[in-house]
Protein backbone atom coordinates (compact mmCIF):
# COMPACT_ATOMS: atom_id res chain seq x y z
CA MET A 1 56.28 19.66 62.38
CA THR A 2 52.95 21.20 62.35
CA PRO A 3 50.78 19.78 59.57
CA VAL A 4 49.79 22.10 56.76
CA PRO A 5 45.99 22.58 56.97
CA LEU A 6 43.54 22.30 54.23
CA GLN A 7 41.69 25.08 52.86
CA ARG A 8 38.01 25.72 54.05
CA ARG A 9 36.21 26.18 50.52
CA LEU A 10 33.24 23.91 50.31
CA SER A 11 29.95 25.52 51.08
CA LEU A 12 26.61 23.50 52.26
CA THR A 13 25.56 23.22 48.59
CA ASP A 14 28.92 21.78 47.46
CA SER A 15 29.02 19.37 50.35
CA ILE A 16 25.48 18.12 49.66
CA VAL A 17 26.53 17.50 46.00
CA ILE A 18 29.47 15.72 46.81
CA GLY A 19 27.37 13.34 49.02
CA LEU A 20 24.99 12.86 46.26
CA GLY A 21 27.42 12.35 43.77
CA SER A 22 28.76 9.30 46.03
CA MET A 23 25.45 7.97 46.68
CA VAL A 24 23.35 8.69 43.72
CA GLY A 25 25.93 7.01 41.37
CA ALA A 26 26.77 4.00 39.81
CA GLY A 27 25.24 1.69 42.55
CA ILE A 28 21.50 2.93 41.27
CA PHE A 29 22.48 1.30 37.84
CA ALA A 30 24.16 -1.74 39.16
CA ALA A 31 23.19 -2.89 42.64
CA LEU A 32 19.58 -3.52 42.21
CA ALA A 33 20.12 -6.67 40.21
CA PRO A 34 22.21 -8.54 42.83
CA ALA A 35 20.16 -7.45 45.41
CA ALA A 36 16.84 -8.65 43.63
CA ALA A 37 18.60 -11.86 43.06
CA ALA A 38 18.96 -12.30 47.00
CA ALA A 39 15.79 -10.89 47.92
CA GLY A 40 13.22 -11.51 45.18
CA SER A 41 10.06 -9.58 45.84
CA GLY A 42 11.31 -8.49 49.17
CA LEU A 43 13.74 -5.90 47.32
CA LEU A 44 11.84 -2.76 48.71
CA ILE A 45 11.92 -4.28 52.27
CA ALA A 46 15.66 -4.69 51.82
CA LEU A 47 15.92 -1.03 50.77
CA ALA A 48 14.08 0.11 53.73
CA ILE A 49 16.32 -1.94 55.99
CA ALA A 50 19.34 -0.43 54.38
CA ALA A 51 17.84 2.88 54.69
CA VAL A 52 17.27 2.53 58.72
CA VAL A 53 20.70 1.52 59.00
CA ALA A 54 22.13 4.32 57.00
CA TYR A 55 20.06 6.96 58.75
CA CYS A 56 21.53 5.72 62.20
CA ASN A 57 25.03 5.70 60.74
CA ALA A 58 24.42 9.02 59.28
CA THR A 59 23.16 10.55 62.31
CA SER A 60 25.96 9.46 64.38
CA SER A 61 28.32 10.45 62.01
CA ALA A 62 27.10 13.92 61.76
CA SER A 63 27.03 14.17 65.64
CA LEU A 64 30.67 13.26 65.54
CA ALA A 65 31.50 15.47 62.71
CA ARG A 66 30.20 18.49 64.67
CA ARG A 67 32.51 17.54 67.35
CA TYR A 68 35.57 16.77 65.31
CA PRO A 69 35.26 18.88 62.07
CA GLN A 70 38.37 17.74 60.45
CA SER A 71 39.67 15.38 57.54
CA GLY A 72 39.60 11.64 58.27
CA GLY A 73 35.82 10.81 59.29
CA THR A 74 35.57 7.73 61.52
CA TYR A 75 39.40 7.36 61.55
CA VAL A 76 39.44 10.54 63.69
CA TYR A 77 36.16 9.74 65.51
CA GLY A 78 37.47 6.10 66.54
CA ARG A 79 40.85 7.51 67.53
CA GLU A 80 39.12 10.27 69.74
CA ARG A 81 36.59 8.27 71.43
CA LEU A 82 37.75 4.56 71.50
CA GLY A 83 41.46 4.77 71.34
CA GLU A 84 44.28 4.64 68.50
CA PHE A 85 43.73 1.15 67.42
CA TRP A 86 40.01 1.61 66.63
CA GLY A 87 40.67 4.71 64.64
CA TYR A 88 43.39 2.90 62.68
CA LEU A 89 41.08 0.01 62.02
CA ALA A 90 38.35 2.30 60.78
CA GLY A 91 40.76 3.99 58.54
CA TRP A 92 42.34 0.83 57.31
CA GLY A 93 38.88 -0.49 56.34
CA PHE A 94 37.94 2.62 54.73
CA VAL A 95 40.98 2.94 52.72
CA VAL A 96 41.04 -0.68 51.62
CA GLY A 97 37.45 -1.06 51.03
CA LYS A 98 36.92 2.16 49.16
CA THR A 99 40.34 1.73 47.10
CA ALA A 100 38.24 -1.57 45.82
CA SER A 101 35.08 0.44 45.39
CA CYS A 102 37.07 3.04 43.37
CA ALA A 103 38.25 0.24 41.01
CA ALA A 104 34.67 -1.19 40.72
CA MET A 105 33.42 2.21 39.59
CA ALA A 106 36.01 2.62 37.03
CA LEU A 107 35.22 -0.89 35.58
CA THR A 108 31.58 0.12 35.39
CA ILE A 109 32.59 2.96 33.13
CA GLY A 110 34.70 0.71 31.19
CA ALA A 111 31.89 -1.48 30.73
CA TYR A 112 29.26 0.94 29.62
CA ALA A 113 31.43 3.02 27.46
CA TRP A 114 33.49 0.31 25.59
CA PRO A 115 32.79 -3.24 26.86
CA GLU A 116 35.81 -4.62 24.52
CA GLN A 117 38.41 -2.33 26.12
CA GLN A 118 36.95 -2.21 29.67
CA HIS A 119 40.11 -2.31 31.58
CA LEU A 120 41.88 0.32 29.43
CA ILE A 121 38.91 2.90 29.59
CA ALA A 122 38.74 2.07 33.38
CA ALA A 123 42.40 3.07 33.91
CA ILE A 124 42.04 6.30 31.81
CA ALA A 125 38.99 7.18 33.68
CA VAL A 126 41.07 6.79 37.05
CA LEU A 127 43.71 9.06 35.70
CA GLY A 128 41.25 11.47 34.65
CA VAL A 129 39.60 11.97 37.83
CA THR A 130 42.91 12.05 39.74
CA ALA A 131 43.78 15.15 37.68
CA ILE A 132 40.53 16.86 38.32
CA ASN A 133 41.02 16.14 42.11
CA TYR A 134 44.73 17.42 41.90
CA LEU A 135 43.51 20.79 40.55
CA GLY A 136 41.50 21.41 43.68
CA VAL A 137 38.43 20.45 45.64
CA GLN A 138 36.30 23.33 44.37
CA LYS A 139 36.69 21.98 40.84
CA SER A 140 35.91 18.43 41.99
CA ALA A 141 32.66 20.05 43.55
CA LEU A 142 31.93 21.69 40.44
CA ALA A 143 32.28 18.68 38.41
CA THR A 144 30.36 16.50 40.82
CA ARG A 145 27.59 19.14 40.48
CA VAL A 146 27.28 18.76 36.83
CA ILE A 147 27.42 14.89 36.97
CA VAL A 148 24.59 15.01 39.55
CA ALA A 149 22.42 17.02 37.50
CA VAL A 150 22.63 14.80 34.54
CA VAL A 151 22.30 11.65 36.35
CA LEU A 152 19.07 12.72 38.16
CA THR A 153 17.79 13.91 34.86
CA VAL A 154 18.28 10.45 33.41
CA LEU A 155 16.77 8.76 36.51
CA VAL A 156 13.83 10.96 36.41
CA ALA A 157 13.19 10.07 32.86
CA ALA A 158 13.76 6.49 33.40
CA VAL A 159 11.16 6.47 36.26
CA VAL A 160 8.52 8.21 34.15
CA ALA A 161 8.91 5.78 31.20
CA CYS A 162 8.50 2.81 33.59
CA ALA A 163 5.46 4.39 35.13
CA ALA A 164 3.90 5.06 31.77
CA GLY A 165 4.81 1.66 30.32
CA PRO A 166 3.45 -1.76 30.79
CA HIS A 167 3.88 -3.38 34.08
CA ALA A 168 5.34 -7.07 35.13
CA GLY A 169 2.75 -9.37 36.10
CA GLY A 170 2.04 -11.20 39.51
CA SER A 171 5.52 -12.20 40.18
CA LEU A 172 5.74 -9.46 42.61
CA THR A 173 3.97 -11.72 45.13
CA SER A 174 6.57 -14.51 45.12
CA ALA A 175 7.91 -15.82 48.47
CA ILE A 176 10.26 -13.74 50.68
CA ASP A 177 13.25 -15.20 52.46
CA ALA A 178 14.55 -13.26 55.48
CA GLY A 179 18.21 -14.08 54.99
CA GLY A 180 18.01 -12.94 51.28
CA VAL A 181 16.34 -9.82 52.37
CA LEU A 182 19.29 -9.09 54.80
CA GLN A 183 21.92 -9.99 52.23
CA ALA A 184 20.15 -7.74 49.81
CA ALA A 185 20.16 -4.93 52.35
CA GLY A 186 23.94 -5.53 53.09
CA LEU A 187 24.60 -4.81 49.07
CA LEU A 188 22.34 -2.08 48.87
CA PHE A 189 24.09 -0.43 51.78
CA PHE A 190 27.21 -0.32 49.46
CA ALA A 191 25.16 2.56 47.14
CA PHE A 192 24.13 4.46 50.40
CA ALA A 193 27.34 4.94 52.12
CA GLY A 194 28.32 8.04 50.13
CA TYR A 195 27.56 10.41 52.97
CA ALA A 196 31.11 9.43 54.50
CA ARG A 197 32.62 11.49 52.03
CA ILE A 198 31.09 14.45 53.40
CA ALA A 199 32.53 13.59 56.76
CA THR A 200 36.06 13.05 55.53
CA LEU A 201 36.30 16.43 54.07
CA GLY A 202 35.62 18.09 57.52
CA GLU A 203 38.78 20.24 56.94
CA GLU A 204 37.72 21.69 53.84
CA VAL A 205 34.15 22.45 54.73
CA VAL A 206 33.04 26.21 55.67
CA GLU A 207 31.45 26.27 59.11
CA PRO A 208 31.95 22.52 59.57
CA GLU A 209 30.01 22.08 62.84
CA ARG A 210 26.92 23.24 61.26
CA THR A 211 27.47 22.44 57.53
CA ILE A 212 28.42 18.78 57.80
CA PRO A 213 25.51 17.36 59.83
CA ARG A 214 23.06 19.53 57.68
CA ALA A 215 24.75 18.14 54.55
CA ILE A 216 24.73 14.45 55.52
CA THR A 217 20.99 14.71 56.62
CA ILE A 218 19.98 16.46 53.36
CA ALA A 219 22.03 14.20 51.03
CA LEU A 220 20.94 11.03 52.65
CA GLY A 221 17.24 12.22 52.49
CA ILE A 222 17.27 12.90 48.66
CA SER A 223 19.07 9.79 47.87
CA LEU A 224 16.66 7.64 49.82
CA VAL A 225 13.93 9.05 47.74
CA VAL A 226 15.60 8.62 44.55
CA TYR A 227 16.49 4.97 45.25
CA ALA A 228 12.91 4.21 46.23
CA LEU A 229 11.25 5.55 43.33
CA VAL A 230 13.79 3.93 40.91
CA ALA A 231 13.62 0.58 42.80
CA VAL A 232 9.65 0.80 42.49
CA ALA A 233 9.92 1.66 38.80
CA VAL A 234 12.29 -1.09 37.93
CA LEU A 235 10.44 -3.49 39.84
CA SER A 236 7.05 -2.57 38.26
CA ALA A 237 8.56 -2.99 34.71
CA LEU A 238 10.64 -6.09 35.05
CA GLY A 239 9.30 -8.01 38.06
CA PRO A 240 11.93 -9.40 40.71
CA ASP A 241 12.86 -12.44 38.44
CA ARG A 242 13.93 -10.68 35.38
CA LEU A 243 15.56 -7.74 37.48
CA ALA A 244 17.54 -10.30 39.25
CA THR A 245 19.13 -11.51 35.93
CA ALA A 246 19.53 -8.24 34.26
CA THR A 247 23.08 -6.98 33.71
CA ASP A 248 21.90 -3.52 33.02
CA PRO A 249 18.72 -3.25 35.01
CA LEU A 250 17.83 0.33 34.35
CA ARG A 251 18.37 0.04 30.55
CA ALA A 252 16.27 -3.25 30.57
CA ALA A 253 13.56 -1.71 32.42
CA VAL A 254 13.19 1.17 30.12
CA THR A 255 13.15 -1.10 27.03
CA ALA A 256 10.54 -3.46 28.62
CA ALA A 257 8.41 -0.22 29.29
CA GLY A 258 8.17 0.42 25.58
CA ALA A 259 10.74 3.27 25.78
CA ALA A 260 13.68 1.66 23.77
CA TRP A 261 14.86 5.17 22.53
CA LEU A 262 15.72 5.95 26.10
CA ALA A 263 18.04 2.99 26.55
CA PRO A 264 21.29 4.61 24.96
CA ILE A 265 20.56 7.80 27.15
CA VAL A 266 20.51 5.58 30.30
CA SER A 267 23.75 4.04 29.29
CA VAL A 268 25.29 7.46 29.12
CA GLY A 269 23.77 8.19 32.39
CA ALA A 270 25.36 5.21 33.95
CA VAL A 271 28.85 6.13 32.76
CA VAL A 272 28.35 9.51 34.16
CA ALA A 273 27.09 8.32 37.32
CA ALA A 274 29.97 5.85 37.89
CA THR A 275 32.35 8.92 36.91
CA GLY A 276 30.67 10.91 39.78
CA SER A 277 31.06 8.05 42.21
CA LEU A 278 34.74 7.55 41.30
CA LEU A 279 35.36 11.43 41.61
CA ALA A 280 33.96 11.35 45.01
CA LEU A 281 35.49 8.15 46.14
CA VAL A 282 39.15 9.10 45.18
CA LEU A 283 38.35 12.36 47.11
CA GLY A 284 37.26 10.58 50.15
CA VAL A 285 40.02 7.98 50.10
CA SER A 286 42.90 10.36 49.61
CA ARG A 287 41.86 12.55 52.51
CA THR A 288 41.76 9.47 54.93
CA THR A 289 45.32 8.53 53.54
CA LEU A 290 46.43 11.99 54.59
CA ALA A 291 44.95 11.71 57.99
CA MET A 292 46.53 8.49 58.50
CA ALA A 293 49.73 9.68 57.12
CA ARG A 294 49.82 12.61 59.58
CA ASP A 295 49.68 10.18 62.52
CA GLY A 296 52.29 7.68 61.04
CA HIS A 297 49.89 4.95 60.18
CA LEU A 298 50.71 5.31 56.50
CA PRO A 299 54.18 6.89 55.01
CA ARG A 300 54.55 10.26 56.06
CA ALA A 301 55.54 11.43 52.67
CA LEU A 302 51.95 11.36 52.04
CA ASP A 303 51.20 14.16 54.59
CA VAL A 304 51.80 17.18 52.15
CA VAL A 305 49.33 19.74 51.02
CA HIS A 306 49.99 21.34 47.44
CA PRO A 307 50.79 25.11 48.04
CA LYS A 308 48.86 26.25 45.29
CA TYR A 309 45.87 23.90 44.77
CA GLY A 310 45.47 23.32 48.53
CA VAL A 311 44.92 19.45 48.05
CA PRO A 312 46.96 16.47 49.62
CA HIS A 313 48.48 15.84 46.26
CA ARG A 314 50.90 13.08 46.92
CA ALA A 315 47.97 11.15 48.67
CA GLU A 316 45.81 11.80 45.74
CA LEU A 317 48.48 10.56 43.27
CA ALA A 318 49.29 7.47 45.52
CA VAL A 319 45.50 6.62 45.43
CA GLY A 320 45.09 7.15 41.87
CA VAL A 321 48.09 5.10 40.69
CA VAL A 322 46.92 2.15 42.99
CA VAL A 323 43.41 2.34 41.74
CA ALA A 324 44.38 2.58 38.06
CA VAL A 325 46.56 -0.49 38.23
CA LEU A 326 43.78 -2.47 39.79
CA ALA A 327 41.32 -1.27 37.44
CA ALA A 328 43.73 -2.04 34.48
CA THR A 329 44.49 -5.58 35.74
CA LEU A 330 41.54 -7.06 37.82
CA ASP A 331 37.92 -7.80 37.53
CA LEU A 332 36.46 -6.17 40.65
CA ARG A 333 32.70 -6.15 40.27
CA SER A 334 32.56 -9.03 42.98
CA ALA A 335 34.31 -6.46 45.27
CA ILE A 336 31.09 -4.95 46.04
CA GLY A 337 30.38 -7.44 48.72
CA PHE A 338 33.79 -7.03 50.09
CA SER A 339 33.55 -3.20 50.12
CA SER A 340 30.08 -3.44 51.82
CA PHE A 341 31.60 -5.42 54.66
CA ALA A 342 34.54 -3.10 55.07
CA VAL A 343 32.26 -0.04 55.12
CA LEU A 344 29.85 -1.64 57.64
CA VAL A 345 32.66 -2.25 59.91
CA TYR A 346 33.68 1.25 59.37
CA TYR A 347 30.30 2.42 60.63
CA LEU A 348 30.09 0.01 63.52
CA ILE A 349 33.15 1.93 64.92
CA ALA A 350 31.37 5.25 63.99
CA ASN A 351 28.43 4.18 66.08
CA ALA A 352 30.39 2.92 68.92
CA SER A 353 32.23 6.39 68.92
CA ALA A 354 29.03 8.29 68.88
CA ALA A 355 27.63 6.18 71.79
CA THR A 356 30.41 7.55 74.10
CA LEU A 357 29.50 11.08 73.46
CA HIS A 358 28.04 13.06 76.40
CA ALA A 359 24.74 15.16 76.16
CA ASP A 360 26.84 18.49 76.25
CA GLU A 361 28.94 17.00 73.28
CA GLY A 362 25.68 16.73 70.79
CA ARG A 363 25.05 13.15 71.75
CA PRO A 364 22.41 11.76 69.42
CA ALA A 365 19.25 9.74 71.04
CA ARG A 366 20.78 6.67 72.75
CA ALA A 367 18.87 4.05 70.77
CA ILE A 368 20.43 5.53 67.41
CA PRO A 369 24.20 4.40 67.70
CA VAL A 370 23.00 1.12 69.29
CA LEU A 371 20.45 0.49 66.30
CA GLY A 372 23.10 1.43 63.86
CA ALA A 373 25.72 -0.78 65.30
CA VAL A 374 23.52 -3.97 65.57
CA GLY A 375 22.34 -3.13 61.98
CA CYS A 376 26.07 -3.18 60.84
CA VAL A 377 26.80 -6.32 62.39
CA VAL A 378 23.83 -8.00 61.16
CA LEU A 379 24.00 -6.76 57.64
CA ALA A 380 27.88 -7.50 57.56
CA PHE A 381 27.42 -11.06 58.44
CA SER A 382 24.45 -11.55 56.16
CA LEU A 383 26.66 -10.90 52.97
CA PRO A 384 27.85 -13.69 50.71
CA ALA A 385 30.42 -15.89 52.73
CA TRP A 386 33.39 -15.19 50.38
CA SER A 387 32.71 -11.53 51.32
CA VAL A 388 32.72 -12.05 55.09
CA LEU A 389 35.92 -14.33 54.83
CA ILE A 390 37.87 -11.93 52.63
CA GLY A 391 36.64 -9.01 54.77
CA LEU A 392 37.72 -10.73 58.08
CA GLY A 393 41.06 -11.51 56.49
CA VAL A 394 41.80 -7.97 55.38
CA PHE A 395 40.90 -6.69 58.82
CA ALA A 396 43.20 -9.21 60.59
CA LEU A 397 45.95 -8.27 58.01
CA GLY A 398 45.44 -4.71 59.26
CA ALA A 399 45.51 -5.51 62.95
CA THR A 400 48.73 -7.57 62.60
CA VAL A 401 50.31 -4.63 60.58
CA TRP A 402 49.34 -2.47 63.83
CA ALA A 403 50.82 -4.82 66.21
CA LEU A 404 54.13 -5.20 64.45
CA ARG A 405 54.48 -1.52 63.81
CA ALA A 406 53.63 -0.73 67.45
CA ARG A 407 56.61 -3.27 68.45
CA VAL A 408 58.92 -1.49 66.29
CA SER A 409 57.81 2.14 66.61
CA PRO A 410 54.53 3.38 68.53
CA PRO A 411 52.50 5.66 66.45
CA GLN A 412 52.50 9.10 67.33
CA GLY A 413 49.50 11.43 67.19
């Protein structure tokens, strides 16, 4: 049976906005504190390292997306360039890691909106986002556009307030630990990895060979500028020591800068940002789930596109239900480390796939996939030990499932 194709409705602007909604999201409000705890005054160095690795990964992904403009992202690239197993492993890592990220984003919404009912609000947020995605990807893009505009406005206000207020003292010159800087870079990479969502929507993008590479590059560039400005502003207002212990770093920064009136607005921005991240994450995970279901790596019942809304509605509902249950029952803030590990492995496979492209296939400069792959390995194994151990265990489980399933019924493409 021939799979029902998704409809190409997303423009360049829509694609950029979806990428921005994934990157300029809850991470900017939450990731700076744990990164500062690891890197100290080396936070900006860690940000630069994460940016370089993200650029290499984005360039490799863009080259592959131009060659394979269909849903699934690195799941498709790994399968086509390296073989079925590597594509499957990338898809496994993306779905599992990003499902944990979805739950963490939902819990962030609950923590800021109503801390006493964090899990209830998180579950409701997941169900709401799932409903939006169910009604069609264009509505998702429209909602994300509004969210990005609100979040960028709040971030600009916070940066201006920090720049105009008093600055922290000489603590910015504290000693820098190389291992801590690498760990911080790995944690910050979690917030940068949203450009994967653009590639996973390849089957719904207009002129994907041209649109996807441009959208990835533009969205990543804008996000890097925003992250750098916010990091400098928050560091100047709090210093690395106070930033490391802050549970709400941007709110604490504007308060320290003498703009306490802005603190509630920052909290609203954090809720909106987390909602935007959750919206884009569920969108991307459901598309990879669809691609894996088409190939028999996940239940084929998930390989259905809604005849009216043109979306993989069963995959979206399945992802939504799983994330809602996790958000309602578990505290997944610590899942950032595990999610970072899974995503770095995902991009390791993307870089390895890009390295096999030939010149006539749009291969990037040789150094880019090599540097990206090395960066992914270094950052992944610089993460906290528990994140590495859990990540290795999850990938080992995925490989075991593959081996057992291949014995019973080899997957068919």
